[in-house]
Amino acid sequence: RGFASDPIDTALVLQALRLTQLSAGPVVDSAFSSLSASRLIGGGWPTVASADRSVAATAEVLLAIQAWEPLGRGGSLKADAIGGLIALQNTDGGFGEGGASSAYATALALSALTEAGAPSAQTQPAIAWLQSHQSQDGSWNGSVYETSRVLAALKGGLRPNLVVPPSSISMEPVLPDEGDIADVRATIRNVGRVPTGPTRAALFDGEPG
């Protein structure tokens, strides 16, 4: 209270609320309405109003969208979040505020893009940039925090990553009545960098478990 809302804080709160298993409701809807209003033309979000598009802000918003999309919230902003973040990728494959690539910004962007199932044309150059900028002592810039962020991002980028695009889900009948048997079909894609073995998919009405 007492401070103006900004996209990064809003996105981080949304991510934290999702971890508490909170159901979608007025608070979540209001937060996504705020993000929709602060979205820049062409996609992406600034750190604060009137600022330029930011890697950190856009990546955190994309992570918030990924957290809530399974519950039907934020999905309408996903394309702009992915497009806005990809537009900030530097020619060297990395990401960074102000044009210069950094380990922190590249790791954050890679985590968000991998989670969202972005094309490998964007994730692979980011992985290559991170791998080529590792220090001889094994860290990134001698920073525990940056190194931990990079390792988490690389783990996600170097393993199978199964996603179900919302547009691939169909149901017959489209509007079943209670007690009807419905046939649900979906396409599962592996957007990771390594193959996956046989996988079983399960459909849940609400939260699993």
N, C-alpha and C. Protein backbone atom coordinates (compact mmCIF):
# COMPACT_ATOMS: atom_id res chain seq x y z
N ARG A 1 0.84 -1.19 0.00
CA ARG A 1 0.00 0.00 0.00
C ARG A 1 0.88 1.25 0.00
N GLY A 2 0.37 2.32 -0.63
CA GLY A 2 1.13 3.56 -0.67
C GLY A 2 2.05 3.66 -1.87
N PHE A 3 2.17 2.57 -2.67
CA PHE A 3 3.02 2.57 -3.84
C PHE A 3 2.17 2.23 -5.06
N ALA A 4 2.57 2.80 -6.22
CA ALA A 4 1.85 2.51 -7.45
C ALA A 4 2.10 1.07 -7.87
N SER A 5 1.12 0.44 -8.46
CA SER A 5 1.28 -0.93 -8.95
C SER A 5 2.26 -0.96 -10.11
N ASP A 6 3.00 -2.04 -10.23
CA ASP A 6 3.89 -2.20 -11.38
C ASP A 6 3.85 -3.66 -11.82
N PRO A 7 4.19 -3.93 -13.09
CA PRO A 7 4.06 -5.30 -13.63
C PRO A 7 4.89 -6.36 -12.91
N ILE A 8 6.13 -6.02 -12.51
CA ILE A 8 6.96 -7.03 -11.86
C ILE A 8 6.35 -7.47 -10.53
N ASP A 9 5.98 -6.50 -9.68
CA ASP A 9 5.39 -6.85 -8.39
C ASP A 9 4.10 -7.64 -8.58
N THR A 10 3.28 -7.21 -9.54
CA THR A 10 2.02 -7.89 -9.79
C THR A 10 2.26 -9.33 -10.24
N ALA A 11 3.23 -9.53 -11.13
CA ALA A 11 3.54 -10.87 -11.63
C ALA A 11 4.09 -11.76 -10.52
N LEU A 12 4.96 -11.21 -9.68
CA LEU A 12 5.54 -12.00 -8.60
C LEU A 12 4.48 -12.41 -7.58
N VAL A 13 3.55 -11.50 -7.30
CA VAL A 13 2.47 -11.83 -6.37
C VAL A 13 1.59 -12.94 -6.96
N LEU A 14 1.30 -12.84 -8.25
CA LEU A 14 0.49 -13.88 -8.89
C LEU A 14 1.19 -15.25 -8.81
N GLN A 15 2.49 -15.27 -9.03
CA GLN A 15 3.23 -16.53 -8.92
C GLN A 15 3.18 -17.08 -7.49
N ALA A 16 3.33 -16.19 -6.53
CA ALA A 16 3.30 -16.62 -5.12
C ALA A 16 1.92 -17.14 -4.74
N LEU A 17 0.87 -16.47 -5.19
CA LEU A 17 -0.49 -16.90 -4.88
C LEU A 17 -0.77 -18.27 -5.48
N ARG A 18 -0.23 -18.53 -6.66
CA ARG A 18 -0.46 -19.83 -7.28
C ARG A 18 0.18 -20.94 -6.46
N LEU A 19 1.33 -20.66 -5.86
CA LEU A 19 2.00 -21.66 -5.04
C LEU A 19 1.21 -22.02 -3.78
N THR A 20 0.33 -21.11 -3.35
CA THR A 20 -0.49 -21.37 -2.17
C THR A 20 -1.72 -22.20 -2.51
N GLN A 21 -1.87 -22.56 -3.81
CA GLN A 21 -3.04 -23.32 -4.28
C GLN A 21 -4.32 -22.51 -4.19
N LEU A 22 -4.19 -21.18 -4.18
CA LEU A 22 -5.37 -20.32 -4.17
C LEU A 22 -6.17 -20.52 -5.45
N SER A 23 -7.47 -20.59 -5.31
CA SER A 23 -8.33 -20.69 -6.49
C SER A 23 -8.44 -19.32 -7.16
N ALA A 24 -8.65 -19.34 -8.46
CA ALA A 24 -8.85 -18.08 -9.17
C ALA A 24 -10.07 -17.36 -8.62
N GLY A 25 -9.96 -16.06 -8.47
CA GLY A 25 -11.05 -15.27 -7.93
C GLY A 25 -10.84 -13.81 -8.22
N PRO A 26 -11.54 -12.92 -7.53
CA PRO A 26 -11.46 -11.48 -7.80
C PRO A 26 -10.05 -10.91 -7.71
N VAL A 27 -9.27 -11.37 -6.74
CA VAL A 27 -7.90 -10.84 -6.60
C VAL A 27 -7.06 -11.17 -7.82
N VAL A 28 -7.12 -12.42 -8.25
CA VAL A 28 -6.36 -12.85 -9.41
C VAL A 28 -6.86 -12.14 -10.67
N ASP A 29 -8.17 -12.06 -10.83
CA ASP A 29 -8.73 -11.39 -12.00
C ASP A 29 -8.32 -9.92 -12.05
N SER A 30 -8.32 -9.26 -10.89
CA SER A 30 -7.92 -7.86 -10.84
C SER A 30 -6.45 -7.70 -11.20
N ALA A 31 -5.61 -8.63 -10.75
CA ALA A 31 -4.18 -8.56 -11.07
C ALA A 31 -3.95 -8.71 -12.57
N PHE A 32 -4.63 -9.65 -13.19
CA PHE A 32 -4.45 -9.83 -14.63
C PHE A 32 -5.05 -8.66 -15.42
N SER A 33 -6.09 -8.05 -14.90
CA SER A 33 -6.63 -6.85 -15.55
C SER A 33 -5.61 -5.72 -15.52
N SER A 34 -4.90 -5.62 -14.39
CA SER A 34 -3.85 -4.62 -14.27
C SER A 34 -2.72 -4.88 -15.27
N LEU A 35 -2.33 -6.14 -15.41
CA LEU A 35 -1.29 -6.49 -16.38
C LEU A 35 -1.75 -6.21 -17.81
N SER A 36 -2.99 -6.49 -18.09
CA SER A 36 -3.51 -6.22 -19.42
C SER A 36 -3.46 -4.73 -19.74
N ALA A 37 -3.78 -3.91 -18.74
CA ALA A 37 -3.79 -2.46 -18.94
C ALA A 37 -2.38 -1.89 -19.10
N SER A 38 -1.39 -2.53 -18.49
CA SER A 38 -0.02 -2.00 -18.54
C SER A 38 0.81 -2.60 -19.68
N ARG A 39 0.19 -3.48 -20.45
CA ARG A 39 0.90 -4.11 -21.58
C ARG A 39 1.24 -3.05 -22.63
N LEU A 40 2.44 -3.15 -23.19
CA LEU A 40 2.89 -2.20 -24.20
C LEU A 40 2.43 -2.62 -25.60
N ILE A 41 2.32 -1.66 -26.48
CA ILE A 41 1.99 -1.96 -27.86
C ILE A 41 3.09 -2.84 -28.46
N GLY A 42 2.70 -3.92 -29.08
CA GLY A 42 3.68 -4.85 -29.63
C GLY A 42 4.07 -5.95 -28.67
N GLY A 43 3.51 -5.91 -27.46
CA GLY A 43 3.79 -6.96 -26.48
C GLY A 43 4.89 -6.58 -25.52
N GLY A 44 4.88 -7.18 -24.37
CA GLY A 44 5.89 -6.91 -23.36
C GLY A 44 5.41 -5.92 -22.31
N TRP A 45 6.17 -5.83 -21.23
CA TRP A 45 5.81 -4.97 -20.10
C TRP A 45 7.02 -4.17 -19.65
N PRO A 46 6.80 -2.96 -19.14
CA PRO A 46 7.88 -2.16 -18.57
C PRO A 46 8.02 -2.46 -17.08
N THR A 47 9.12 -2.02 -16.48
CA THR A 47 9.26 -2.18 -15.04
C THR A 47 8.29 -1.25 -14.31
N VAL A 48 8.15 -0.04 -14.83
CA VAL A 48 7.22 0.95 -14.28
C VAL A 48 6.56 1.67 -15.43
N ALA A 49 5.48 2.37 -15.15
CA ALA A 49 4.76 3.10 -16.19
C ALA A 49 5.69 4.07 -16.91
N SER A 50 5.52 4.20 -18.20
CA SER A 50 6.27 5.13 -19.06
C SER A 50 7.70 4.67 -19.34
N ALA A 51 8.12 3.50 -18.85
CA ALA A 51 9.45 2.98 -19.13
C ALA A 51 9.41 2.10 -20.38
N ASP A 52 10.60 1.74 -20.86
CA ASP A 52 10.69 0.87 -22.02
C ASP A 52 10.38 -0.58 -21.64
N ARG A 53 10.17 -1.40 -22.63
CA ARG A 53 9.91 -2.82 -22.41
C ARG A 53 11.10 -3.44 -21.70
N SER A 54 10.82 -4.27 -20.71
CA SER A 54 11.85 -4.84 -19.84
C SER A 54 11.88 -6.36 -19.95
N VAL A 55 13.11 -6.92 -20.02
CA VAL A 55 13.25 -8.37 -20.02
C VAL A 55 12.70 -8.96 -18.73
N ALA A 56 13.11 -8.40 -17.59
CA ALA A 56 12.69 -8.95 -16.30
C ALA A 56 11.18 -8.88 -16.12
N ALA A 57 10.59 -7.73 -16.41
CA ALA A 57 9.15 -7.56 -16.23
C ALA A 57 8.38 -8.51 -17.15
N THR A 58 8.78 -8.58 -18.41
CA THR A 58 8.06 -9.41 -19.37
C THR A 58 8.21 -10.89 -19.04
N ALA A 59 9.41 -11.30 -18.62
CA ALA A 59 9.63 -12.70 -18.26
C ALA A 59 8.82 -13.08 -17.02
N GLU A 60 8.79 -12.21 -16.02
CA GLU A 60 8.02 -12.53 -14.81
C GLU A 60 6.53 -12.59 -15.11
N VAL A 61 6.05 -11.73 -15.99
CA VAL A 61 4.64 -11.78 -16.39
C VAL A 61 4.35 -13.10 -17.11
N LEU A 62 5.25 -13.52 -17.98
CA LEU A 62 5.05 -14.78 -18.70
C LEU A 62 5.02 -15.96 -17.73
N LEU A 63 5.87 -15.94 -16.71
CA LEU A 63 5.86 -17.00 -15.71
C LEU A 63 4.55 -17.00 -14.92
N ALA A 64 4.02 -15.81 -14.64
CA ALA A 64 2.73 -15.72 -13.94
C ALA A 64 1.60 -16.26 -14.82
N ILE A 65 1.65 -15.96 -16.10
CA ILE A 65 0.65 -16.47 -17.03
C ILE A 65 0.69 -18.00 -17.06
N GLN A 66 1.91 -18.55 -17.13
CA GLN A 66 2.05 -20.00 -17.16
C GLN A 66 1.49 -20.64 -15.90
N ALA A 67 1.66 -19.96 -14.77
CA ALA A 67 1.16 -20.51 -13.50
C ALA A 67 -0.35 -20.58 -13.46
N TRP A 68 -1.02 -19.59 -14.05
CA TRP A 68 -2.47 -19.50 -13.92
C TRP A 68 -3.25 -19.96 -15.15
N GLU A 69 -2.56 -20.15 -16.27
CA GLU A 69 -3.28 -20.54 -17.49
C GLU A 69 -4.06 -21.84 -17.32
N PRO A 70 -3.53 -22.85 -16.61
CA PRO A 70 -4.32 -24.08 -16.44
C PRO A 70 -5.65 -23.85 -15.74
N LEU A 71 -5.77 -22.76 -14.99
CA LEU A 71 -7.03 -22.44 -14.32
C LEU A 71 -7.83 -21.39 -15.09
N GLY A 72 -7.48 -21.19 -16.34
CA GLY A 72 -8.25 -20.30 -17.19
C GLY A 72 -8.00 -18.83 -16.98
N ARG A 73 -6.84 -18.46 -16.49
CA ARG A 73 -6.54 -17.05 -16.25
C ARG A 73 -5.23 -16.68 -16.96
N GLY A 74 -5.23 -15.51 -17.60
CA GLY A 74 -4.02 -14.97 -18.18
C GLY A 74 -3.67 -15.44 -19.57
N GLY A 75 -4.35 -16.46 -20.07
CA GLY A 75 -3.99 -17.03 -21.36
C GLY A 75 -4.06 -16.04 -22.51
N SER A 76 -4.96 -15.06 -22.43
CA SER A 76 -5.11 -14.09 -23.51
C SER A 76 -3.89 -13.19 -23.64
N LEU A 77 -3.05 -13.14 -22.61
CA LEU A 77 -1.86 -12.30 -22.65
C LEU A 77 -0.61 -13.07 -23.07
N LYS A 78 -0.73 -14.37 -23.23
CA LYS A 78 0.46 -15.22 -23.44
C LYS A 78 1.20 -14.88 -24.73
N ALA A 79 0.47 -14.74 -25.82
CA ALA A 79 1.12 -14.47 -27.11
C ALA A 79 1.91 -13.17 -27.06
N ASP A 80 1.33 -12.13 -26.45
CA ASP A 80 2.04 -10.86 -26.34
C ASP A 80 3.25 -10.97 -25.42
N ALA A 81 3.15 -11.81 -24.39
CA ALA A 81 4.28 -11.99 -23.48
C ALA A 81 5.43 -12.70 -24.19
N ILE A 82 5.12 -13.77 -24.92
CA ILE A 82 6.17 -14.49 -25.64
C ILE A 82 6.77 -13.60 -26.72
N GLY A 83 5.90 -12.96 -27.51
CA GLY A 83 6.38 -12.10 -28.59
C GLY A 83 7.20 -10.92 -28.08
N GLY A 84 6.74 -10.32 -26.98
CA GLY A 84 7.47 -9.20 -26.41
C GLY A 84 8.83 -9.60 -25.89
N LEU A 85 8.92 -10.80 -25.30
CA LEU A 85 10.19 -11.26 -24.76
C LEU A 85 11.16 -11.64 -25.88
N ILE A 86 10.65 -12.32 -26.89
CA ILE A 86 11.50 -12.70 -28.03
C ILE A 86 12.06 -11.46 -28.71
N ALA A 87 11.26 -10.39 -28.77
CA ALA A 87 11.72 -9.15 -29.41
C ALA A 87 12.90 -8.52 -28.68
N LEU A 88 13.09 -8.89 -27.41
CA LEU A 88 14.18 -8.33 -26.62
C LEU A 88 15.45 -9.18 -26.68
N GLN A 89 15.41 -10.29 -27.41
CA GLN A 89 16.60 -11.14 -27.51
C GLN A 89 17.67 -10.46 -28.35
N ASN A 90 18.88 -10.45 -27.85
CA ASN A 90 19.99 -9.82 -28.56
C ASN A 90 20.52 -10.71 -29.67
N THR A 91 21.28 -10.13 -30.57
CA THR A 91 21.81 -10.90 -31.70
C THR A 91 22.79 -11.98 -31.25
N ASP A 92 23.37 -11.84 -30.05
CA ASP A 92 24.29 -12.87 -29.55
C ASP A 92 23.55 -14.03 -28.89
N GLY A 93 22.20 -13.96 -28.86
CA GLY A 93 21.39 -15.04 -28.30
C GLY A 93 20.97 -14.80 -26.87
N GLY A 94 21.64 -13.87 -26.18
CA GLY A 94 21.31 -13.59 -24.79
C GLY A 94 20.26 -12.51 -24.63
N PHE A 95 19.97 -12.20 -23.38
CA PHE A 95 19.01 -11.16 -23.05
C PHE A 95 19.65 -10.23 -22.02
N GLY A 96 19.21 -8.99 -22.00
CA GLY A 96 19.73 -8.06 -21.00
C GLY A 96 19.03 -6.72 -21.08
N GLU A 97 18.94 -6.06 -19.96
CA GLU A 97 18.35 -4.74 -19.95
C GLU A 97 19.33 -3.75 -20.57
N GLY A 98 18.82 -2.86 -21.40
CA GLY A 98 19.69 -1.85 -22.00
C GLY A 98 20.53 -2.36 -23.16
N GLY A 99 20.29 -3.59 -23.61
CA GLY A 99 20.97 -4.07 -24.80
C GLY A 99 22.08 -5.07 -24.56
N ALA A 100 22.81 -4.95 -23.45
CA ALA A 100 23.92 -5.87 -23.19
C ALA A 100 23.40 -7.12 -22.50
N SER A 101 23.76 -8.28 -23.03
CA SER A 101 23.28 -9.55 -22.46
C SER A 101 23.92 -9.79 -21.10
N SER A 102 23.16 -10.39 -20.19
CA SER A 102 23.66 -10.74 -18.87
C SER A 102 23.19 -12.13 -18.51
N ALA A 103 23.92 -12.78 -17.60
CA ALA A 103 23.56 -14.13 -17.19
C ALA A 103 22.20 -14.15 -16.51
N TYR A 104 21.95 -13.18 -15.63
CA TYR A 104 20.68 -13.15 -14.91
C TYR A 104 19.50 -13.00 -15.86
N ALA A 105 19.56 -11.98 -16.73
CA ALA A 105 18.44 -11.72 -17.64
C ALA A 105 18.24 -12.88 -18.61
N THR A 106 19.33 -13.46 -19.11
CA THR A 106 19.22 -14.57 -20.06
C THR A 106 18.62 -15.80 -19.38
N ALA A 107 19.04 -16.06 -18.15
CA ALA A 107 18.48 -17.20 -17.42
C ALA A 107 17.01 -17.02 -17.14
N LEU A 108 16.63 -15.82 -16.74
CA LEU A 108 15.21 -15.56 -16.45
C LEU A 108 14.37 -15.69 -17.71
N ALA A 109 14.84 -15.11 -18.81
CA ALA A 109 14.10 -15.19 -20.07
C ALA A 109 14.01 -16.63 -20.56
N LEU A 110 15.12 -17.38 -20.43
CA LEU A 110 15.12 -18.78 -20.87
C LEU A 110 14.13 -19.59 -20.04
N SER A 111 14.09 -19.38 -18.74
CA SER A 111 13.14 -20.11 -17.89
C SER A 111 11.71 -19.85 -18.33
N ALA A 112 11.39 -18.58 -18.59
CA ALA A 112 10.02 -18.22 -18.98
C ALA A 112 9.67 -18.80 -20.35
N LEU A 113 10.59 -18.67 -21.31
CA LEU A 113 10.31 -19.16 -22.65
C LEU A 113 10.21 -20.69 -22.68
N THR A 114 11.06 -21.37 -21.94
CA THR A 114 11.00 -22.83 -21.88
C THR A 114 9.68 -23.28 -21.27
N GLU A 115 9.30 -22.64 -20.18
CA GLU A 115 8.04 -22.99 -19.51
C GLU A 115 6.85 -22.78 -20.43
N ALA A 116 6.94 -21.75 -21.28
CA ALA A 116 5.83 -21.42 -22.18
C ALA A 116 5.85 -22.24 -23.46
N GLY A 117 6.88 -23.07 -23.65
CA GLY A 117 6.96 -23.87 -24.87
C GLY A 117 7.33 -23.08 -26.09
N ALA A 118 8.18 -22.06 -25.92
CA ALA A 118 8.60 -21.23 -27.05
C ALA A 118 9.45 -22.05 -28.02
N PRO A 119 9.53 -21.61 -29.28
CA PRO A 119 10.31 -22.36 -30.28
C PRO A 119 11.78 -22.47 -29.89
N SER A 120 12.40 -23.58 -30.29
CA SER A 120 13.81 -23.79 -29.98
C SER A 120 14.70 -22.76 -30.66
N ALA A 121 14.18 -22.11 -31.70
CA ALA A 121 14.96 -21.06 -32.37
C ALA A 121 15.29 -19.92 -31.42
N GLN A 122 14.49 -19.75 -30.37
CA GLN A 122 14.76 -18.72 -29.38
C GLN A 122 15.46 -19.28 -28.14
N THR A 123 15.11 -20.48 -27.74
CA THR A 123 15.70 -21.02 -26.51
C THR A 123 17.12 -21.53 -26.72
N GLN A 124 17.41 -22.14 -27.85
CA GLN A 124 18.75 -22.70 -28.06
C GLN A 124 19.84 -21.63 -28.09
N PRO A 125 19.64 -20.48 -28.76
CA PRO A 125 20.68 -19.44 -28.69
C PRO A 125 20.90 -18.93 -27.27
N ALA A 126 19.84 -18.86 -26.46
CA ALA A 126 19.99 -18.43 -25.07
C ALA A 126 20.79 -19.45 -24.27
N ILE A 127 20.53 -20.74 -24.50
CA ILE A 127 21.29 -21.80 -23.84
C ILE A 127 22.76 -21.70 -24.24
N ALA A 128 23.00 -21.52 -25.53
CA ALA A 128 24.38 -21.43 -26.02
C ALA A 128 25.10 -20.23 -25.40
N TRP A 129 24.39 -19.11 -25.26
CA TRP A 129 25.02 -17.92 -24.66
C TRP A 129 25.42 -18.20 -23.22
N LEU A 130 24.52 -18.82 -22.47
CA LEU A 130 24.83 -19.12 -21.07
C LEU A 130 26.00 -20.09 -20.97
N GLN A 131 26.00 -21.11 -21.79
CA GLN A 131 27.08 -22.10 -21.73
C GLN A 131 28.42 -21.49 -22.08
N SER A 132 28.43 -20.53 -22.99
CA SER A 132 29.69 -19.93 -23.43
C SER A 132 30.19 -18.84 -22.48
N HIS A 133 29.37 -18.44 -21.50
CA HIS A 133 29.77 -17.37 -20.58
C HIS A 133 29.97 -17.88 -19.15
N GLN A 134 30.13 -19.18 -19.01
CA GLN A 134 30.43 -19.74 -17.69
C GLN A 134 31.89 -19.47 -17.34
N SER A 135 32.15 -19.05 -16.13
CA SER A 135 33.51 -18.76 -15.68
C SER A 135 34.30 -20.05 -15.48
N GLN A 136 35.61 -19.92 -15.43
CA GLN A 136 36.46 -21.11 -15.27
C GLN A 136 36.21 -21.83 -13.95
N ASP A 137 35.74 -21.10 -12.94
CA ASP A 137 35.47 -21.75 -11.65
C ASP A 137 34.11 -22.43 -11.63
N GLY A 138 33.42 -22.42 -12.77
CA GLY A 138 32.13 -23.10 -12.87
C GLY A 138 30.92 -22.21 -12.60
N SER A 139 31.17 -21.01 -12.11
CA SER A 139 30.06 -20.11 -11.78
C SER A 139 29.76 -19.17 -12.93
N TRP A 140 28.79 -18.33 -12.72
CA TRP A 140 28.52 -17.22 -13.63
C TRP A 140 28.75 -15.94 -12.84
N ASN A 141 29.80 -15.22 -13.24
CA ASN A 141 30.18 -13.94 -12.62
C ASN A 141 30.52 -14.07 -11.14
N GLY A 142 30.86 -15.27 -10.69
CA GLY A 142 31.21 -15.46 -9.29
C GLY A 142 30.07 -15.25 -8.33
N SER A 143 28.84 -15.28 -8.84
CA SER A 143 27.65 -14.99 -8.03
C SER A 143 26.87 -16.27 -7.75
N VAL A 144 26.63 -16.54 -6.47
CA VAL A 144 25.82 -17.71 -6.11
C VAL A 144 24.41 -17.56 -6.68
N TYR A 145 23.84 -16.36 -6.56
CA TYR A 145 22.47 -16.15 -7.02
C TYR A 145 22.36 -16.34 -8.54
N GLU A 146 23.24 -15.66 -9.29
CA GLU A 146 23.18 -15.79 -10.75
C GLU A 146 23.43 -17.24 -11.18
N THR A 147 24.40 -17.89 -10.55
CA THR A 147 24.71 -19.27 -10.91
C THR A 147 23.52 -20.19 -10.66
N SER A 148 22.84 -19.99 -9.54
CA SER A 148 21.67 -20.83 -9.24
C SER A 148 20.56 -20.59 -10.26
N ARG A 149 20.37 -19.33 -10.67
CA ARG A 149 19.33 -19.04 -11.67
C ARG A 149 19.68 -19.67 -13.01
N VAL A 150 20.96 -19.59 -13.39
CA VAL A 150 21.38 -20.16 -14.67
C VAL A 150 21.22 -21.68 -14.66
N LEU A 151 21.64 -22.33 -13.58
CA LEU A 151 21.54 -23.79 -13.52
C LEU A 151 20.08 -24.25 -13.58
N ALA A 152 19.20 -23.52 -12.91
CA ALA A 152 17.77 -23.87 -12.97
C ALA A 152 17.24 -23.70 -14.38
N ALA A 153 17.66 -22.63 -15.05
CA ALA A 153 17.19 -22.39 -16.42
C ALA A 153 17.72 -23.44 -17.38
N LEU A 154 18.99 -23.79 -17.23
CA LEU A 154 19.58 -24.79 -18.11
C LEU A 154 18.97 -26.17 -17.89
N LYS A 155 18.64 -26.47 -16.64
CA LYS A 155 18.00 -27.76 -16.36
C LYS A 155 16.69 -27.86 -17.12
N GLY A 156 15.92 -26.77 -17.13
CA GLY A 156 14.66 -26.77 -17.86
C GLY A 156 14.86 -26.83 -19.36
N GLY A 157 15.95 -26.21 -19.85
CA GLY A 157 16.18 -26.17 -21.28
C GLY A 157 16.84 -27.40 -21.84
N LEU A 158 17.44 -28.22 -20.97
CA LEU A 158 18.19 -29.38 -21.43
C LEU A 158 17.51 -30.70 -21.09
N ARG A 159 16.23 -30.66 -20.82
CA ARG A 159 15.50 -31.88 -20.50
C ARG A 159 14.21 -31.90 -21.32
N PRO A 160 13.53 -33.03 -21.36
CA PRO A 160 12.22 -33.03 -22.04
C PRO A 160 11.28 -32.02 -21.40
N ASN A 161 10.48 -31.39 -22.20
CA ASN A 161 9.52 -30.41 -21.69
C ASN A 161 8.21 -30.62 -22.43
N LEU A 162 7.32 -31.36 -21.79
CA LEU A 162 6.04 -31.70 -22.41
C LEU A 162 5.01 -30.61 -22.12
N VAL A 163 4.39 -30.12 -23.15
CA VAL A 163 3.37 -29.08 -23.01
C VAL A 163 2.13 -29.50 -23.79
N VAL A 164 0.99 -28.98 -23.36
CA VAL A 164 -0.28 -29.21 -24.05
C VAL A 164 -0.82 -27.85 -24.49
N PRO A 165 -0.64 -27.47 -25.74
CA PRO A 165 -1.17 -26.19 -26.20
C PRO A 165 -2.68 -26.14 -26.01
N PRO A 166 -3.19 -25.09 -25.37
CA PRO A 166 -4.64 -25.00 -25.15
C PRO A 166 -5.45 -25.16 -26.44
N SER A 167 -4.90 -24.68 -27.56
CA SER A 167 -5.63 -24.76 -28.83
C SER A 167 -5.77 -26.19 -29.33
N SER A 168 -4.97 -27.13 -28.76
CA SER A 168 -5.03 -28.51 -29.23
C SER A 168 -6.08 -29.34 -28.50
N ILE A 169 -6.71 -28.76 -27.48
CA ILE A 169 -7.67 -29.51 -26.67
C ILE A 169 -9.06 -29.42 -27.29
N SER A 170 -9.69 -30.55 -27.45
CA SER A 170 -11.06 -30.56 -27.98
C SER A 170 -11.89 -31.57 -27.20
N MET A 171 -13.20 -31.36 -27.18
CA MET A 171 -14.08 -32.25 -26.43
C MET A 171 -15.34 -32.50 -27.24
N GLU A 172 -15.80 -33.72 -27.20
CA GLU A 172 -17.02 -34.12 -27.91
C GLU A 172 -17.92 -34.90 -26.95
N PRO A 173 -19.13 -34.48 -26.66
CA PRO A 173 -19.74 -33.24 -27.16
C PRO A 173 -19.10 -32.00 -26.54
N VAL A 174 -19.26 -30.87 -27.21
CA VAL A 174 -18.64 -29.63 -26.75
C VAL A 174 -19.22 -29.19 -25.42
N LEU A 175 -20.52 -29.35 -25.24
CA LEU A 175 -21.19 -28.95 -24.00
C LEU A 175 -21.95 -30.15 -23.42
N PRO A 176 -21.22 -31.05 -22.79
CA PRO A 176 -21.90 -32.25 -22.26
C PRO A 176 -22.76 -31.91 -21.05
N ASP A 177 -23.82 -32.67 -20.88
CA ASP A 177 -24.65 -32.55 -19.68
C ASP A 177 -24.07 -33.43 -18.59
N GLU A 178 -24.45 -33.16 -17.35
CA GLU A 178 -23.95 -33.96 -16.24
C GLU A 178 -24.35 -35.43 -16.44
N GLY A 179 -23.37 -36.30 -16.29
CA GLY A 179 -23.61 -37.73 -16.49
C GLY A 179 -23.26 -38.23 -17.87
N ASP A 180 -23.06 -37.29 -18.85
CA ASP A 180 -22.69 -37.71 -20.20
C ASP A 180 -21.24 -38.19 -20.23
N ILE A 181 -20.93 -39.06 -21.17
CA ILE A 181 -19.55 -39.47 -21.41
C ILE A 181 -18.96 -38.54 -22.47
N ALA A 182 -17.85 -37.91 -22.14
CA ALA A 182 -17.23 -36.96 -23.07
C ALA A 182 -15.88 -37.51 -23.53
N ASP A 183 -15.58 -37.30 -24.80
CA ASP A 183 -14.31 -37.71 -25.38
C ASP A 183 -13.41 -36.48 -25.47
N VAL A 184 -12.33 -36.47 -24.70
CA VAL A 184 -11.41 -35.33 -24.68
C VAL A 184 -10.13 -35.72 -25.40
N ARG A 185 -9.70 -34.88 -26.34
CA ARG A 185 -8.48 -35.14 -27.09
C ARG A 185 -7.53 -33.94 -26.95
N ALA A 186 -6.24 -34.22 -26.90
CA ALA A 186 -5.24 -33.16 -26.80
C ALA A 186 -3.95 -33.61 -27.45
N THR A 187 -3.20 -32.67 -27.96
CA THR A 187 -1.89 -32.95 -28.54
C THR A 187 -0.81 -32.56 -27.54
N ILE A 188 0.06 -33.50 -27.22
CA ILE A 188 1.16 -33.24 -26.28
C ILE A 188 2.44 -33.07 -27.09
N ARG A 189 3.12 -31.94 -26.87
CA ARG A 189 4.35 -31.64 -27.61
C ARG A 189 5.54 -31.65 -26.66
N ASN A 190 6.65 -32.14 -27.14
CA ASN A 190 7.90 -32.05 -26.40
C ASN A 190 8.71 -30.90 -26.98
N VAL A 191 8.79 -29.79 -26.24
CA VAL A 191 9.53 -28.63 -26.71
C VAL A 191 10.91 -28.57 -26.07
N GLY A 192 11.30 -29.63 -25.36
CA GLY A 192 12.62 -29.68 -24.77
C GLY A 192 13.67 -30.06 -25.81
N ARG A 193 14.92 -30.15 -25.35
CA ARG A 193 16.02 -30.42 -26.29
C ARG A 193 16.40 -31.89 -26.35
N VAL A 194 15.81 -32.70 -25.50
CA VAL A 194 16.12 -34.13 -25.53
C VAL A 194 14.83 -34.93 -25.65
N PRO A 195 14.90 -36.14 -26.22
CA PRO A 195 13.69 -36.95 -26.37
C PRO A 195 13.13 -37.38 -25.02
N THR A 196 11.87 -37.73 -25.03
CA THR A 196 11.23 -38.27 -23.83
C THR A 196 10.79 -39.70 -24.10
N GLY A 197 10.76 -40.49 -23.05
CA GLY A 197 10.30 -41.85 -23.19
C GLY A 197 8.78 -41.92 -23.16
N PRO A 198 8.22 -43.13 -23.10
CA PRO A 198 6.76 -43.29 -23.01
C PRO A 198 6.21 -42.51 -21.82
N THR A 199 5.14 -41.78 -22.05
CA THR A 199 4.58 -40.90 -21.02
C THR A 199 3.08 -41.10 -20.93
N ARG A 200 2.57 -41.13 -19.70
CA ARG A 200 1.13 -41.23 -19.50
C ARG A 200 0.58 -39.88 -19.11
N ALA A 201 -0.47 -39.46 -19.79
CA ALA A 201 -1.12 -38.18 -19.47
C ALA A 201 -2.42 -38.46 -18.74
N ALA A 202 -2.75 -37.59 -17.79
CA ALA A 202 -3.99 -37.75 -17.02
C ALA A 202 -4.78 -36.43 -17.10
N LEU A 203 -6.07 -36.56 -17.14
CA LEU A 203 -6.96 -35.39 -17.19
C LEU A 203 -7.65 -35.24 -15.84
N PHE A 204 -7.60 -34.03 -15.28
CA PHE A 204 -8.20 -33.77 -13.98
C PHE A 204 -9.26 -32.69 -14.09
N ASP A 205 -10.29 -32.81 -13.31
CA ASP A 205 -11.29 -31.77 -13.17
C ASP A 205 -10.91 -30.97 -11.93
N GLY A 206 -10.17 -29.88 -12.13
CA GLY A 206 -9.66 -29.10 -10.99
C GLY A 206 -8.22 -29.49 -10.69
N GLU A 207 -7.80 -29.26 -9.47
CA GLU A 207 -6.43 -29.51 -9.07
C GLU A 207 -6.17 -31.02 -8.94
N PRO A 208 -5.01 -31.52 -9.48
CA PRO A 208 -4.68 -32.94 -9.31
C PRO A 208 -4.51 -33.29 -7.83
N GLY A 209 -4.90 -34.48 -7.45
CA GLY A 209 -4.72 -34.94 -6.08
C GLY A 209 -5.79 -34.50 -5.13
